[in-house]
Protein backbone atom coordinates (compact mmCIF):
# COMPACT_ATOMS: atom_id res chain seq x y z
CA MET A 1 17.18 15.77 -15.59
CA LYS A 2 18.50 12.60 -14.00
CA GLN A 3 15.78 10.49 -12.36
CA SER A 4 16.60 8.84 -9.05
CA LEU A 5 16.08 5.12 -8.64
CA LYS A 6 14.21 3.88 -5.58
CA ILE A 7 14.83 0.33 -4.47
CA ILE A 8 11.57 -1.22 -3.27
CA LYS A 9 11.98 -3.62 -0.36
CA VAL A 10 9.70 -6.46 0.72
CA ASN A 11 8.04 -6.03 4.17
CA HIS A 12 8.28 -2.23 4.00
CA PHE A 13 5.48 0.36 3.86
CA TYR A 14 5.19 2.72 0.88
CA LEU A 15 2.63 5.24 -0.28
CA ILE A 16 0.60 3.67 -3.09
CA HIS A 17 -0.92 6.04 -5.64
CA ASP A 18 -4.00 4.23 -6.92
CA GLY A 19 -5.97 7.12 -8.38
CA SER A 20 -7.08 8.46 -5.00
CA ARG A 21 -6.22 12.05 -4.10
CA ASN A 22 -3.45 11.33 -1.59
CA GLY A 23 -2.76 7.61 -2.05
CA HIS A 24 -2.87 4.83 0.54
CA PRO A 25 -0.25 3.22 2.73
CA GLY A 26 0.70 -0.22 1.46
CA LEU A 27 2.90 -3.07 2.63
CA VAL A 28 4.90 -4.72 -0.17
CA PHE A 29 5.00 -8.49 0.37
CA TRP A 30 6.29 -9.76 -3.01
CA LYS A 31 8.36 -8.28 -5.80
CA ASP A 32 9.82 -9.13 -9.19
CA ASP A 33 12.59 -6.67 -9.99
CA ILE A 34 13.01 -7.94 -13.55
CA ALA A 35 9.34 -7.34 -14.45
CA ASN A 36 9.19 -4.28 -12.16
CA LEU A 37 6.04 -5.66 -10.46
CA TYR A 38 5.10 -5.61 -6.79
CA LEU A 39 2.22 -7.03 -4.77
CA ALA A 40 1.07 -4.96 -1.81
CA ILE A 41 -1.55 -5.02 0.89
CA LYS A 42 -3.33 -1.68 0.83
CA PHE A 43 -4.68 0.11 3.94
CA GLY A 44 -7.18 2.93 4.36
CA THR A 45 -9.44 4.80 6.77
CA THR A 46 -12.83 4.42 5.08
CA LYS A 47 -15.05 1.45 5.86
CA ASN A 48 -16.74 -0.28 2.92
CA GLN A 49 -17.52 -3.78 1.63
CA ASN A 50 -14.07 -4.17 0.05
CA ASN A 51 -12.09 -3.93 3.29
CA ALA A 52 -11.91 -5.35 6.81
CA SER A 53 -11.41 -3.56 10.10
CA LEU A 54 -8.07 -3.83 11.91
CA LYS A 55 -7.93 -4.25 15.68
CA HIS A 56 -5.41 -1.39 16.02
CA PRO A 57 -4.89 1.61 13.70
CA ILE A 58 -1.69 1.66 11.64
CA SER A 59 -0.93 5.24 12.69
CA LYS A 60 -1.33 7.21 15.93
CA ASN A 61 -3.14 10.13 14.29
CA ILE A 62 -6.14 8.15 12.95
CA MET A 63 -8.94 6.39 14.80
CA ASN A 64 -9.72 3.39 12.56
CA SER A 65 -7.72 1.47 9.97
CA TYR A 66 -8.97 -0.97 7.38
CA VAL A 67 -7.19 -3.45 5.16
CA TYR A 68 -8.36 -4.00 1.60
CA LYS A 69 -9.37 -7.63 0.99
CA LYS A 70 -7.76 -7.82 -2.46
CA THR A 71 -4.05 -7.42 -3.03
CA PHE A 72 -2.87 -4.52 -5.13
CA ILE A 73 -0.51 -4.93 -8.10
CA VAL A 74 1.96 -2.07 -8.39
CA LYS A 75 4.26 -1.26 -11.30
CA ALA A 76 6.89 1.23 -10.22
């Protein structure tokens, strides 16, 4: 089975699978195609000590959005 190749772009949103059930939206802000590494800002809907509240939600169908304070390293 031939696997398709997805080109990750900087300043675009992607679904980040970080071990959570459905994943989190994330904004890629840096990439290294040779090492296949990406840095992303991760967003969520649950308030806790590891994230900060956003003034406006990132989607129309949710009430509150939060940004995680630490960047997330992704290897695609």
